[in-house]
PDB file of N, CA and C in Angstrom:
ATOM      1  N   MET A   1      -1.529  16.595  34.487  1.00  0.00           N
ATOM      2  CA  MET A   1      -1.699  16.496  32.832  1.00  0.00           C
ATOM      3  C   MET A   1      -2.629  15.358  32.832  1.00  0.00           C
ATOM      4  N   PRO A   2      -3.909  15.678  31.932  1.00  0.00           N
ATOM      5  CA  PRO A   2      -4.947  14.800  31.804  1.00  0.00           C
ATOM      6  C   PRO A   2      -4.500  13.488  30.919  1.00  0.00           C
ATOM      7  N   ASN A   3      -4.921  12.447  31.005  1.00  0.00           N
ATOM      8  CA  ASN A   3      -4.583  11.259  30.500  1.00  0.00           C
ATOM      9  C   ASN A   3      -5.427  10.993  29.272  1.00  0.00           C
ATOM     10  N   ILE A   4      -4.900  11.227  28.256  1.00  0.00           N
ATOM     11  CA  ILE A   4      -5.804  11.025  26.883  1.00  0.00           C
ATOM     12  C   ILE A   4      -6.200   9.594  26.510  1.00  0.00           C
ATOM     13  N   GLU A   5      -7.575   9.422  25.936  1.00  0.00           N
ATOM     14  CA  GLU A   5      -7.650   8.202  25.546  1.00  0.00           C
ATOM     15  C   GLU A   5      -7.329   7.776  24.208  1.00  0.00           C
ATOM     16  N   SER A   6      -7.268   8.854  23.285  1.00  0.00           N
ATOM     17  CA  SER A   6      -6.974   8.688  21.772  1.00  0.00           C
ATOM     18  C   SER A   6      -6.305   9.966  21.395  1.00  0.00           C
ATOM     19  N   LEU A   7      -5.677   9.828  20.309  1.00  0.00           N
ATOM     20  CA  LEU A   7      -5.247  10.904  19.377  1.00  0.00           C
ATOM     21  C   LEU A   7      -5.637  10.952  17.882  1.00  0.00           C
ATOM     22  N   ASP A   8      -6.320  11.714  17.495  1.00  0.00           N
ATOM     23  CA  ASP A   8      -6.644  11.843  16.238  1.00  0.00           C
ATOM     24  C   ASP A   8      -5.653  12.425  15.402  1.00  0.00           C
ATOM     25  N   VAL A   9      -5.364  11.883  14.157  1.00  0.00           N
ATOM     26  CA  VAL A   9      -4.232  12.354  13.343  1.00  0.00           C
ATOM     27  C   VAL A   9      -4.821  12.424  11.844  1.00  0.00           C
ATOM     28  N   THR A  10      -4.818  13.660  11.168  1.00  0.00           N
ATOM     29  CA  THR A  10      -5.341  13.900   9.925  1.00  0.00           C
ATOM     30  C   THR A  10      -4.195  14.269   9.226  1.00  0.00           C
ATOM     31  N   LEU A  11      -3.827  13.643   8.022  1.00  0.00           N
ATOM     32  CA  LEU A  11      -2.878  14.006   7.159  1.00  0.00           C
ATOM     33  C   LEU A  11      -3.419  14.898   6.075  1.00  0.00           C
ATOM     34  N   CYS A  12      -2.792  16.022   5.680  1.00  0.00           N
ATOM     35  CA  CYS A  12      -3.360  16.904   4.749  1.00  0.00           C
ATOM     36  C   CYS A  12      -2.161  17.278   3.752  1.00  0.00           C
ATOM     37  N   ALA A  13      -2.527  17.448   2.466  1.00  0.00           N
ATOM     38  CA  ALA A  13      -1.646  17.661   1.376  1.00  0.00           C
ATOM     39  C   ALA A  13      -2.394  17.908   0.126  1.00  0.00           C
ATOM     40  N   ASP A  14      -1.661  18.692  -0.880  1.00  0.00           N
ATOM     41  CA  ASP A  14      -2.001  18.968  -2.112  1.00  0.00           C
ATOM     42  C   ASP A  14      -1.729  17.794  -2.931  1.00  0.00           C
ATOM     43  N   LEU A  15      -2.264  16.520  -2.888  1.00  0.00           N
ATOM     44  CA  LEU A  15      -2.026  15.453  -3.527  1.00  0.00           C
ATOM     45  C   LEU A  15      -3.305  14.889  -4.158  1.00  0.00           C
ATOM     46  N   SER A  16      -3.104  13.774  -4.926  1.00  0.00           N
ATOM     47  CA  SER A  16      -4.380  12.939  -5.436  1.00  0.00           C
ATOM     48  C   SER A  16      -4.635  12.339  -4.249  1.00  0.00           C
ATOM     49  N   ALA A  17      -6.129  11.915  -4.353  1.00  0.00           N
ATOM     50  CA  ALA A  17      -6.462  10.852  -3.257  1.00  0.00           C
ATOM     51  C   ALA A  17      -5.708   9.839  -3.081  1.00  0.00           C
ATOM     52  N   ASN A  18      -5.233   9.167  -4.209  1.00  0.00           N
ATOM     53  CA  ASN A  18      -4.545   7.966  -4.044  1.00  0.00           C
ATOM     54  C   ASN A  18      -3.230   7.922  -3.576  1.00  0.00           C
ATOM     55  N   ARG A  19      -2.710   8.953  -3.694  1.00  0.00           N
ATOM     56  CA  ARG A  19      -1.186   9.335  -3.062  1.00  0.00           C
ATOM     57  C   ARG A  19      -1.303   9.604  -1.707  1.00  0.00           C
ATOM     58  N   LEU A  20      -2.340  10.339  -1.133  1.00  0.00           N
ATOM     59  CA  LEU A  20      -2.583  10.714   0.199  1.00  0.00           C
ATOM     60  C   LEU A  20      -2.993   9.350   0.888  1.00  0.00           C
ATOM     61  N   ALA A  21      -3.876   8.663   0.208  1.00  0.00           N
ATOM     62  CA  ALA A  21      -4.307   7.266   0.994  1.00  0.00           C
ATOM     63  C   ALA A  21      -3.047   6.451   1.080  1.00  0.00           C
ATOM     64  N   ALA A  22      -2.218   6.426   0.120  1.00  0.00           N
ATOM     65  CA  ALA A  22      -1.007   5.535   0.144  1.00  0.00           C
ATOM     66  C   ALA A  22       0.113   6.109   1.212  1.00  0.00           C
ATOM     67  N   LEU A  23       0.150   7.428   1.492  1.00  0.00           N
ATOM     68  CA  LEU A  23       0.963   8.072   2.505  1.00  0.00           C
ATOM     69  C   LEU A  23       0.296   7.781   3.977  1.00  0.00           C
ATOM     70  N   THR A  24      -0.862   7.645   3.956  1.00  0.00           N
ATOM     71  CA  THR A  24      -1.672   7.612   5.220  1.00  0.00           C
ATOM     72  C   THR A  24      -1.641   6.159   5.637  1.00  0.00           C
ATOM     73  N   THR A  25      -1.616   5.137   4.711  1.00  0.00           N
ATOM     74  CA  THR A  25      -1.470   3.736   4.921  1.00  0.00           C
ATOM     75  C   THR A  25       0.047   3.402   5.305  1.00  0.00           C
ATOM     76  N   ASP A  26       0.932   3.918   4.743  1.00  0.00           N
ATOM     77  CA  ASP A  26       2.497   3.918   5.080  1.00  0.00           C
ATOM     78  C   ASP A  26       2.467   4.233   6.442  1.00  0.00           C
ATOM     79  N   PHE A  27       2.071   5.598   6.701  1.00  0.00           N
ATOM     80  CA  PHE A  27       2.311   6.260   8.033  1.00  0.00           C
ATOM     81  C   PHE A  27       1.445   5.299   9.184  1.00  0.00           C
ATOM     82  N   ALA A  28       0.439   4.809   9.066  1.00  0.00           N
ATOM     83  CA  ALA A  28      -0.189   4.065   9.873  1.00  0.00           C
ATOM     84  C   ALA A  28       0.609   2.717  10.079  1.00  0.00           C
ATOM     85  N   LYS A  29       1.039   2.005   9.180  1.00  0.00           N
ATOM     86  CA  LYS A  29       1.913   0.784   9.216  1.00  0.00           C
ATOM     87  C   LYS A  29       3.175   1.072   9.930  1.00  0.00           C
ATOM     88  N   ASP A  30       3.926   2.335   9.813  1.00  0.00           N
ATOM     89  CA  ASP A  30       5.012   2.719  10.693  1.00  0.00           C
ATOM     90  C   ASP A  30       4.724   2.855  12.173  1.00  0.00           C
ATOM     91  N   LEU A  31       3.656   3.538  12.221  1.00  0.00           N
ATOM     92  CA  LEU A  31       3.235   3.722  13.746  1.00  0.00           C
ATOM     93  C   LEU A  31       3.016   2.372  14.386  1.00  0.00           C
ATOM     94  N   ARG A  32       2.414   1.326  13.758  1.00  0.00           N
ATOM     95  CA  ARG A  32       2.370   0.201  14.271  1.00  0.00           C
ATOM     96  C   ARG A  32       3.173  -0.634  14.675  1.00  0.00           C
ATOM     97  N   THR A  33       4.346  -0.090  14.333  1.00  0.00           N
ATOM     98  CA  THR A  33       5.781  -0.848  14.832  1.00  0.00           C
ATOM     99  C   THR A  33       6.087  -0.448  16.235  1.00  0.00           C
ATOM    100  N   PHE A  34       5.437   0.416  16.895  1.00  0.00           N
ATOM    101  CA  PHE A  34       5.658   0.881  18.179  1.00  0.00           C
ATOM    102  C   PHE A  34       4.860  -0.040  19.199  1.00  0.00           C
ATOM    103  N   ARG A  35       5.551  -0.651  20.115  1.00  0.00           N
ATOM    104  CA  ARG A  35       4.846  -1.649  21.004  1.00  0.00           C
ATOM    105  C   ARG A  35       3.743  -1.286  21.836  1.00  0.00           C
ATOM    106  N   GLY A  36       2.620  -1.951  21.345  1.00  0.00           N
ATOM    107  CA  GLY A  36       1.323  -1.690  22.245  1.00  0.00           C
ATOM    108  C   GLY A  36       0.540  -0.540  21.714  1.00  0.00           C
ATOM    109  N   LEU A  37       1.012   0.170  20.628  1.00  0.00           N
ATOM    110  CA  LEU A  37       0.179   1.476  20.078  1.00  0.00           C
ATOM    111  C   LEU A  37      -0.747   0.654  19.138  1.00  0.00           C
ATOM    112  N   GLN A  38      -2.021   1.265  19.269  1.00  0.00           N
ATOM    113  CA  GLN A  38      -3.104   0.780  18.186  1.00  0.00           C
ATOM    114  C   GLN A  38      -3.411   1.909  17.242  1.00  0.00           C
ATOM    115  N   VAL A  39      -3.384   1.890  16.186  1.00  0.00           N
ATOM    116  CA  VAL A  39      -3.673   2.638  14.804  1.00  0.00           C
ATOM    117  C   VAL A  39      -4.772   2.186  14.272  1.00  0.00           C
ATOM    118  N   GLU A  40      -5.790   2.866  14.143  1.00  0.00           N
ATOM    119  CA  GLU A  40      -6.869   2.456  13.292  1.00  0.00           C
ATOM    120  C   GLU A  40      -7.462   3.632  12.378  1.00  0.00           C
ATOM    121  N   SER A  41      -7.973   3.383  11.227  1.00  0.00           N
ATOM    122  CA  SER A  41      -8.474   4.179  10.221  1.00  0.00           C
ATOM    123  C   SER A  41      -9.940   4.603  10.658  1.00  0.00           C
ATOM    124  N   LYS A  42     -10.073   5.877  10.446  1.00  0.00           N
ATOM    125  CA  LYS A  42     -11.429   6.258  10.653  1.00  0.00           C
ATOM    126  C   LYS A  42     -12.312   6.277   9.262  1.00  0.00           C
ATOM    127  N   ARG A  43     -11.735   5.787   8.194  1.00  0.00           N
ATOM    128  CA  ARG A  43     -12.691   5.768   7.019  1.00  0.00           C
ATOM    129  C   ARG A  43     -13.647   4.753   7.007  1.00  0.00           C
ATOM    130  N   ASP A  44     -13.631   3.833   7.946  1.00  0.00           N
ATOM    131  CA  ASP A  44     -14.872   2.852   7.780  1.00  0.00           C
ATOM    132  C   ASP A  44     -15.860   3.402   8.736  1.00  0.00           C
ATOM    133  N   ALA A  45     -15.687   4.547   9.277  1.00  0.00           N
ATOM    134  CA  ALA A  45     -16.818   5.047   9.953  1.00  0.00           C
ATOM    135  C   ALA A  45     -18.144   5.316   9.101  1.00  0.00           C
ATOM    136  N   LEU A  46     -19.172   4.932   9.753  1.00  0.00           N
ATOM    137  CA  LEU A  46     -20.526   5.574   9.024  1.00  0.00           C
ATOM    138  C   LEU A  46     -20.800   6.752   9.072  1.00  0.00           C
ATOM    139  N   PRO A  47     -21.313   7.323   8.160  1.00  0.00           N
ATOM    140  CA  PRO A  47     -21.809   8.712   7.935  1.00  0.00           C
ATOM    141  C   PRO A  47     -22.732   9.183   9.215  1.00  0.00           C
ATOM    142  N   ARG A  48     -22.784  10.227   9.611  1.00  0.00           N
ATOM    143  CA  ARG A  48     -23.831  10.681  10.627  1.00  0.00           C
ATOM    144  C   ARG A  48     -25.079  10.996  10.119  1.00  0.00           C
ATOM    145  N   ASP A  49     -25.939  10.954  10.990  1.00  0.00           N
ATOM    146  CA  ASP A  49     -27.380  11.423  10.568  1.00  0.00           C
ATOM    147  C   ASP A  49     -27.429  12.625   9.761  1.00  0.00           C
ATOM    148  N   GLY A  50     -28.052  12.522   8.565  1.00  0.00           N
ATOM    149  CA  GLY A  50     -28.145  13.655   7.714  1.00  0.00           C
ATOM    150  C   GLY A  50     -26.938  13.869   6.643  1.00  0.00           C
ATOM    151  N   GLU A  51     -26.025  13.133   6.783  1.00  0.00           N
ATOM    152  CA  GLU A  51     -24.863  13.205   5.988  1.00  0.00           C
ATOM    153  C   GLU A  51     -24.798  12.164   4.960  1.00  0.00           C
ATOM    154  N   ARG A  52     -24.500  12.513   3.714  1.00  0.00           N
ATOM    155  CA  ARG A  52     -24.180  11.566   2.497  1.00  0.00           C
ATOM    156  C   ARG A  52     -22.981  11.237   2.193  1.00  0.00           C
ATOM    157  N   GLY A  53     -22.683  10.046   1.947  1.00  0.00           N
ATOM    158  CA  GLY A  53     -21.206   9.762   1.298  1.00  0.00           C
ATOM    159  C   GLY A  53     -20.363   9.382   2.477  1.00  0.00           C
ATOM    160  N   VAL A  54     -19.170   9.267   2.144  1.00  0.00           N
ATOM    161  CA  VAL A  54     -18.099   9.053   3.299  1.00  0.00           C
ATOM    162  C   VAL A  54     -17.952  10.287   4.142  1.00  0.00           C
ATOM    163  N   ALA A  55     -18.078   9.945   5.497  1.00  0.00           N
ATOM    164  CA  ALA A  55     -18.012  10.954   6.489  1.00  0.00           C
ATOM    165  C   ALA A  55     -16.721  11.346   6.888  1.00  0.00           C
ATOM    166  N   ILE A  56     -15.871  10.366   6.650  1.00  0.00           N
ATOM    167  CA  ILE A  56     -14.586  10.367   7.197  1.00  0.00           C
ATOM    168  C   ILE A  56     -13.508  10.278   6.141  1.00  0.00           C
ATOM    169  N   SER A  57     -12.438  11.164   6.051  1.00  0.00           N
ATOM    170  CA  SER A  57     -11.621  11.324   5.194  1.00  0.00           C
ATOM    171  C   SER A  57     -10.643  10.042   5.187  1.00  0.00           C
ATOM    172  N   ILE A  58     -10.105   9.570   3.886  1.00  0.00           N
ATOM    173  CA  ILE A  58      -9.226   8.570   3.877  1.00  0.00           C
ATOM    174  C   ILE A  58      -7.960   8.659   4.566  1.00  0.00           C
ATOM    175  N   ALA A  59      -7.585  10.172   5.052  1.00  0.00           N
ATOM    176  CA  ALA A  59      -6.395  10.388   5.420  1.00  0.00           C
ATOM    177  C   ALA A  59      -6.590  10.646   7.239  1.00  0.00           C
ATOM    178  N   ASP A  60      -7.498  10.108   7.745  1.00  0.00           N
ATOM    179  CA  ASP A  60      -7.888  10.132   9.277  1.00  0.00           C
ATOM    180  C   ASP A  60      -7.419   9.030   9.946  1.00  0.00           C
ATOM    181  N   LEU A  61      -6.641   9.048  11.004  1.00  0.00           N
ATOM    182  CA  LEU A  61      -6.334   7.811  11.798  1.00  0.00           C
ATOM    183  C   LEU A  61      -6.662   8.123  13.123  1.00  0.00           C
ATOM    184  N   VAL A  62      -6.746   7.238  14.207  1.00  0.00           N
ATOM    185  CA  VAL A  62      -6.935   7.220  15.682  1.00  0.00           C
ATOM    186  C   VAL A  62      -6.010   6.414  16.059  1.00  0.00           C
ATOM    187  N   ILE A  63      -5.127   7.021  17.058  1.00  0.00           N
ATOM    188  CA  ILE A  63      -4.134   6.288  17.703  1.00  0.00           C
ATOM    189  C   ILE A  63      -4.581   6.003  19.189  1.00  0.00           C
ATOM    190  N   THR A  64      -4.491   4.922  19.617  1.00  0.00           N
ATOM    191  CA  THR A  64      -4.701   4.486  21.073  1.00  0.00           C
ATOM    192  C   THR A  64      -3.758   3.787  21.508  1.00  0.00           C
ATOM    193  N   SER A  65      -3.929   3.626  22.909  1.00  0.00           N
ATOM    194  CA  SER A  65      -2.710   2.834  23.824  1.00  0.00           C
ATOM    195  C   SER A  65      -1.418   3.444  23.652  1.00  0.00           C
ATOM    196  N   ILE A  66      -1.431   4.892  23.744  1.00  0.00           N
ATOM    197  CA  ILE A  66      -0.406   5.600  23.772  1.00  0.00           C
ATOM    198  C   ILE A  66       0.364   5.585  24.988  1.00  0.00           C
ATOM    199  N   THR A  67       1.947   5.103  25.056  1.00  0.00           N
ATOM    200  CA  THR A  67       2.698   5.159  26.031  1.00  0.00           C
ATOM    201  C   THR A  67       3.493   6.333  26.235  1.00  0.00           C
ATOM    202  N   SER A  68       4.189   6.370  27.416  1.00  0.00           N
ATOM    203  CA  SER A  68       5.268   7.413  27.549  1.00  0.00           C
ATOM    204  C   SER A  68       6.258   7.291  26.655  1.00  0.00           C
ATOM    205  N   GLY A  69       6.902   8.299  26.268  1.00  0.00           N
ATOM    206  CA  GLY A  69       8.261   8.356  25.465  1.00  0.00           C
ATOM    207  C   GLY A  69       7.635   8.198  23.813  1.00  0.00           C
ATOM    208  N   PHE A  70       6.532   8.168  23.573  1.00  0.00           N
ATOM    209  CA  PHE A  70       5.922   8.146  22.151  1.00  0.00           C
ATOM    210  C   PHE A  70       6.083   9.326  21.391  1.00  0.00           C
ATOM    211  N   ALA A  71       6.133  10.505  22.041  1.00  0.00           N
ATOM    212  CA  ALA A  71       6.203  11.666  21.548  1.00  0.00           C
ATOM    213  C   ALA A  71       7.543  12.193  20.999  1.00  0.00           C
ATOM    214  N   ALA A  72       8.531  11.648  21.681  1.00  0.00           N
ATOM    215  CA  ALA A  72       9.823  11.857  21.079  1.00  0.00           C
ATOM    216  C   ALA A  72      10.081  11.036  19.807  1.00  0.00           C
ATOM    217  N   SER A  73       9.534   9.657  19.677  1.00  0.00           N
ATOM    218  CA  SER A  73       9.646   9.036  18.713  1.00  0.00           C
ATOM    219  C   SER A  73       8.494   9.391  17.267  1.00  0.00           C
ATOM    220  N   LEU A  74       7.662  10.187  17.733  1.00  0.00           N
ATOM    221  CA  LEU A  74       6.712  10.688  16.765  1.00  0.00           C
ATOM    222  C   LEU A  74       7.426  11.674  15.908  1.00  0.00           C
ATOM    223  N   VAL A  75       8.095  12.493  16.530  1.00  0.00           N
ATOM    224  CA  VAL A  75       8.830  13.762  15.974  1.00  0.00           C
ATOM    225  C   VAL A  75       9.544  13.168  14.686  1.00  0.00           C
ATOM    226  N   GLY A  76      10.309  11.781  14.888  1.00  0.00           N
ATOM    227  CA  GLY A  76      11.159  11.307  13.916  1.00  0.00           C
ATOM    228  C   GLY A  76      10.417  10.684  12.791  1.00  0.00           C
ATOM    229  N   VAL A  77       9.336  10.177  13.062  1.00  0.00           N
ATOM    230  CA  VAL A  77       8.560   9.693  12.006  1.00  0.00           C
ATOM    231  C   VAL A  77       7.798  10.587  11.297  1.00  0.00           C
ATOM    232  N   LEU A  78       7.318  11.805  11.907  1.00  0.00           N
ATOM    233  CA  LEU A  78       6.889  12.930  11.115  1.00  0.00           C
ATOM    234  C   LEU A  78       7.670  13.625  10.143  1.00  0.00           C
ATOM    235  N   ARG A  79       9.056  13.852  10.855  1.00  0.00           N
ATOM    236  CA  ARG A  79      10.002  14.312  10.052  1.00  0.00           C
ATOM    237  C   ARG A  79      10.314  13.564   8.671  1.00  0.00           C
ATOM    238  N   SER A  80      10.566  12.176   8.983  1.00  0.00           N
ATOM    239  CA  SER A  80      10.633  11.478   7.808  1.00  0.00           C
ATOM    240  C   SER A  80       9.445  11.474   6.605  1.00  0.00           C
ATOM    241  N   TYR A  81       8.405  11.711   6.969  1.00  0.00           N
ATOM    242  CA  TYR A  81       7.194  11.757   6.132  1.00  0.00           C
ATOM    243  C   TYR A  81       7.156  13.052   5.295  1.00  0.00           C
ATOM    244  N   LEU A  82       7.561  14.298   6.264  1.00  0.00           N
ATOM    245  CA  LEU A  82       7.751  15.502   5.761  1.00  0.00           C
ATOM    246  C   LEU A  82       8.924  15.553   4.839  1.00  0.00           C
ATOM    247  N   SER A  83       9.954  14.731   4.914  1.00  0.00           N
ATOM    248  CA  SER A  83      10.896  14.764   3.860  1.00  0.00           C
ATOM    249  C   SER A  83      10.616  14.184   2.547  1.00  0.00           C
ATOM    250  N   ARG A  84       9.618  13.278   2.714  1.00  0.00           N
ATOM    251  CA  ARG A  84       9.189  12.551   1.541  1.00  0.00           C
ATOM    252  C   ARG A  84       8.258  13.352   0.677  1.00  0.00           C
ATOM    253  N   GLU A  85       7.488  14.179   1.420  1.00  0.00           N
ATOM    254  CA  GLU A  85       6.503  14.936   0.786  1.00  0.00           C
ATOM    255  C   GLU A  85       6.264  16.198   1.411  1.00  0.00           C
ATOM    256  N   PRO A  86       7.208  17.125   1.203  1.00  0.00           N
ATOM    257  CA  PRO A  86       6.913  18.752   1.853  1.00  0.00           C
ATOM    258  C   PRO A  86       5.700  19.226   1.829  1.00  0.00           C
ATOM    259  N   SER A  87       4.720  18.877   1.170  1.00  0.00           N
ATOM    260  CA  SER A  87       3.447  19.637   0.999  1.00  0.00           C
ATOM    261  C   SER A  87       2.690  18.957   2.225  1.00  0.00           C
ATOM    262  N   LEU A  88       2.929  17.979   2.789  1.00  0.00           N
ATOM    263  CA  LEU A  88       2.205  17.270   3.696  1.00  0.00           C
ATOM    264  C   LEU A  88       2.231  17.912   5.169  1.00  0.00           C
ATOM    265  N   SER A  89       1.023  17.878   5.912  1.00  0.00           N
ATOM    266  CA  SER A  89       0.740  18.633   7.271  1.00  0.00           C
ATOM    267  C   SER A  89       0.140  17.358   7.965  1.00  0.00           C
ATOM    268  N   PHE A  90       0.413  17.474   9.243  1.00  0.00           N
ATOM    269  CA  PHE A  90      -0.333  16.456  10.305  1.00  0.00           C
ATOM    270  C   PHE A  90      -0.962  17.342  11.205  1.00  0.00           C
ATOM    271  N   HIS A  91      -2.482  17.045  11.409  1.00  0.00           N
ATOM    272  CA  HIS A  91      -3.054  17.684  12.203  1.00  0.00           C
ATOM    273  C   HIS A  91      -3.374  16.691  13.476  1.00  0.00           C
ATOM    274  N   LEU A  92      -3.159  16.844  14.614  1.00  0.00           N
ATOM    275  CA  LEU A  92      -3.119  16.048  15.892  1.00  0.00           C
ATOM    276  C   LEU A  92      -4.145  16.490  16.702  1.00  0.00           C
ATOM    277  N   LYS A  93      -5.186  15.808  17.321  1.00  0.00           N
ATOM    278  CA  LYS A  93      -5.992  16.423  18.180  1.00  0.00           C
ATOM    279  C   LYS A  93      -6.348  15.202  19.407  1.00  0.00           C
ATOM    280  N   THR A  94      -6.294  15.635  20.403  1.00  0.00           N
ATOM    281  CA  THR A  94      -6.478  14.457  21.752  1.00  0.00           C
ATOM    282  C   THR A  94      -8.021  14.261  21.946  1.00  0.00           C
ATOM    283  N   SER A  95      -8.357  13.370  22.725  1.00  0.00           N
ATOM    284  CA  SER A  95      -9.643  12.938  22.906  1.00  0.00           C
ATOM    285  C   SER A  95     -10.181  14.254  23.897  1.00  0.00           C
ATOM    286  N   ASP A  96      -9.300  15.015  24.563  1.00  0.00           N
ATOM    287  CA  ASP A  96      -9.729  15.963  25.469  1.00  0.00           C
ATOM    288  C   ASP A  96      -9.767  17.455  24.681  1.00  0.00           C
ATOM    289  N   GLY A  97      -9.650  17.575  23.259  1.00  0.00           N
ATOM    290  CA  GLY A  97      -9.733  18.617  22.564  1.00  0.00           C
ATOM    291  C   GLY A  97      -8.400  19.367  22.244  1.00  0.00           C
ATOM    292  N   ARG A  98      -7.271  18.921  22.786  1.00  0.00           N
ATOM    293  CA  ARG A  98      -6.077  19.919  22.582  1.00  0.00           C
ATOM    294  C   ARG A  98      -5.677  19.475  21.262  1.00  0.00           C
ATOM    295  N   GLU A  99      -5.041  20.540  20.568  1.00  0.00           N
ATOM    296  CA  GLU A  99      -4.545  20.216  19.051  1.00  0.00           C
ATOM    297  C   GLU A  99      -3.271  20.826  18.759  1.00  0.00           C
ATOM    298  N   ILE A 100      -2.483  20.234  17.773  1.00  0.00           N
ATOM    299  CA  ILE A 100      -1.367  20.778  17.470  1.00  0.00           C
ATOM    300  C   ILE A 100      -1.250  20.422  15.838  1.00  0.00           C
ATOM    301  N   SER A 101      -0.426  21.228  14.995  1.00  0.00           N
ATOM    302  CA  SER A 101      -0.460  20.957  13.525  1.00  0.00           C
ATOM    303  C   SER A 101       1.064  20.906  13.256  1.00  0.00           C
ATOM    304  N   VAL A 102       1.623  19.964  12.524  1.00  0.00           N
ATOM    305  CA  VAL A 102       2.950  19.736  12.274  1.00  0.00           C
ATOM    306  C   VAL A 102       3.158  19.707  10.803  1.00  0.00           C
ATOM    307  N   ALA A 103       4.019  20.681  10.432  1.00  0.00           N
ATOM    308  CA  ALA A 103       4.294  20.777   8.704  1.00  0.00           C
ATOM    309  C   ALA A 103       5.831  20.886   8.768  1.00  0.00           C
ATOM    310  N   MET A 104       6.213  21.047   7.533  1.00  0.00           N
ATOM    311  CA  MET A 104       7.641  21.329   7.115  1.00  0.00           C
ATOM    312  C   MET A 104       8.352  22.565   7.767  1.00  0.00           C
ATOM    313  N   LYS A 105       7.529  23.575   7.911  1.00  0.00           N
ATOM    314  CA  LYS A 105       7.780  24.899   8.423  1.00  0.00           C
ATOM    315  C   LYS A 105       8.010  24.710   9.959  1.00  0.00           C
ATOM    316  N   ASN A 106       7.517  23.697  10.671  1.00  0.00           N
ATOM    317  CA  ASN A 106       7.839  23.712  12.127  1.00  0.00           C
ATOM    318  C   ASN A 106       8.400  22.506  12.570  1.00  0.00           C
ATOM    319  N   ILE A 107       8.611  21.606  11.659  1.00  0.00           N
ATOM    320  CA  ILE A 107       9.266  20.250  12.323  1.00  0.00           C
ATOM    321  C   ILE A 107      10.586  20.310  13.046  1.00  0.00           C
ATOM    322  N   ASP A 108      11.328  21.277  12.418  1.00  0.00           N
ATOM    323  CA  ASP A 108      12.740  21.597  13.217  1.00  0.00           C
ATOM    324  C   ASP A 108      12.630  22.467  14.326  1.00  0.00           C
ATOM    325  N   SER A 109      11.391  23.118  14.618  1.00  0.00           N
ATOM    326  CA  SER A 109      11.390  23.935  15.793  1.00  0.00           C
ATOM    327  C   SER A 109      11.673  23.191  17.203  1.00  0.00           C
ATOM    328  N   PRO A 110      12.684  23.848  18.004  1.00  0.00           N
ATOM    329  CA  PRO A 110      13.044  23.109  19.013  1.00  0.00           C
ATOM    330  C   PRO A 110      11.891  23.197  20.028  1.00  0.00           C
ATOM    331  N   ASN A 111      10.833  23.731  19.804  1.00  0.00           N
ATOM    332  CA  ASN A 111       9.772  23.486  20.992  1.00  0.00           C
ATOM    333  C   ASN A 111       8.877  22.471  20.532  1.00  0.00           C
ATOM    334  N   LEU A 112       8.936  22.007  19.068  1.00  0.00           N
ATOM    335  CA  LEU A 112       8.059  20.855  18.933  1.00  0.00           C
ATOM    336  C   LEU A 112       8.044  19.680  19.644  1.00  0.00           C
ATOM    337  N   PRO A 113       9.150  19.084  20.015  1.00  0.00           N
ATOM    338  CA  PRO A 113       9.066  17.692  21.108  1.00  0.00           C
ATOM    339  C   PRO A 113       8.326  18.128  22.322  1.00  0.00           C
ATOM    340  N   GLU A 114       8.684  19.314  22.854  1.00  0.00           N
ATOM    341  CA  GLU A 114       7.815  19.450  24.129  1.00  0.00           C
ATOM    342  C   GLU A 114       6.432  19.791  23.769  1.00  0.00           C
ATOM    343  N   ALA A 115       6.046  20.443  22.805  1.00  0.00           N
ATOM    344  CA  ALA A 115       4.669  20.514  22.666  1.00  0.00           C
ATOM    345  C   ALA A 115       3.910  19.167  22.179  1.00  0.00           C
ATOM    346  N   LEU A 116       4.556  18.420  21.521  1.00  0.00           N
ATOM    347  CA  LEU A 116       3.853  16.976  21.405  1.00  0.00           C
ATOM    348  C   LEU A 116       3.756  16.293  22.609  1.00  0.00           C
ATOM    349  N   ALA A 117       5.090  16.401  23.557  1.00  0.00           N
ATOM    350  CA  ALA A 117       4.902  15.737  24.888  1.00  0.00           C
ATOM    351  C   ALA A 117       3.765  16.033  25.707  1.00  0.00           C
ATOM    352  N   ARG A 118       3.526  17.307  25.678  1.00  0.00           N
ATOM    353  CA  ARG A 118       2.312  17.687  26.444  1.00  0.00           C
ATOM    354  C   ARG A 118       0.978  17.098  26.002  1.00  0.00           C
ATOM    355  N   LEU A 119       0.887  16.710  24.724  1.00  0.00           N
ATOM    356  CA  LEU A 119      -0.231  16.198  24.313  1.00  0.00           C
ATOM    357  C   LEU A 119      -0.382  14.606  24.805  1.00  0.00           C
ATOM    358  N   MET A 120       0.709  13.842  25.196  1.00  0.00           N
ATOM    359  CA  MET A 120       0.827  12.496  25.351  1.00  0.00           C
ATOM    360  C   MET A 120       0.809  12.152  27.017  1.00  0.00           C
ATOM    361  N   PRO A 121       0.332  11.148  27.194  1.00  0.00           N
ATOM    362  CA  PRO A 121       0.123  10.645  28.674  1.00  0.00           C
ATOM    363  C   PRO A 121       1.441  10.258  29.050  1.00  0.00           C
ATOM    364  N   GLY A 122       1.961  10.457  30.403  1.00  0.00           N
ATOM    365  CA  GLY A 122       2.992  10.252  30.853  1.00  0.00           C
ATOM    366  C   GLY A 122       4.225  10.702  30.436  1.00  0.00           C
ATOM    367  N   GLU A 123       4.242  12.007  29.487  1.00  0.00           N
ATOM    368  CA  GLU A 123       5.376  12.550  29.423  1.00  0.00           C
ATOM    369  C   GLU A 123       5.637  13.620  30.357  1.00  0.00           C
TER     370      GLU A 123
END
């Protein structure tokens, strides 16, 4: 299993920009309670050459310093946010390109914890 350097997380929902930004801020704050986990917003990234305006959405995060056991905990955190806002979905992508999307329709799938664990190092 390859060891990932980072996990990009994008929150998507049919919400106002302010509401989505608030949920993203709360989500990042909750993730930061995990020991050693680093969570940063990508919104401060500079636009790429030829792009204008903000290059990165307000709802993009980068998680680094991921330790084993995080996948199981992540399912609980995702579930709590989907309960708060059922239209929300999470798109997770590893630094090596593997992806998974989590939404209300699949949060209770018995395969989800295993699928998330396959993305994480040391799982």
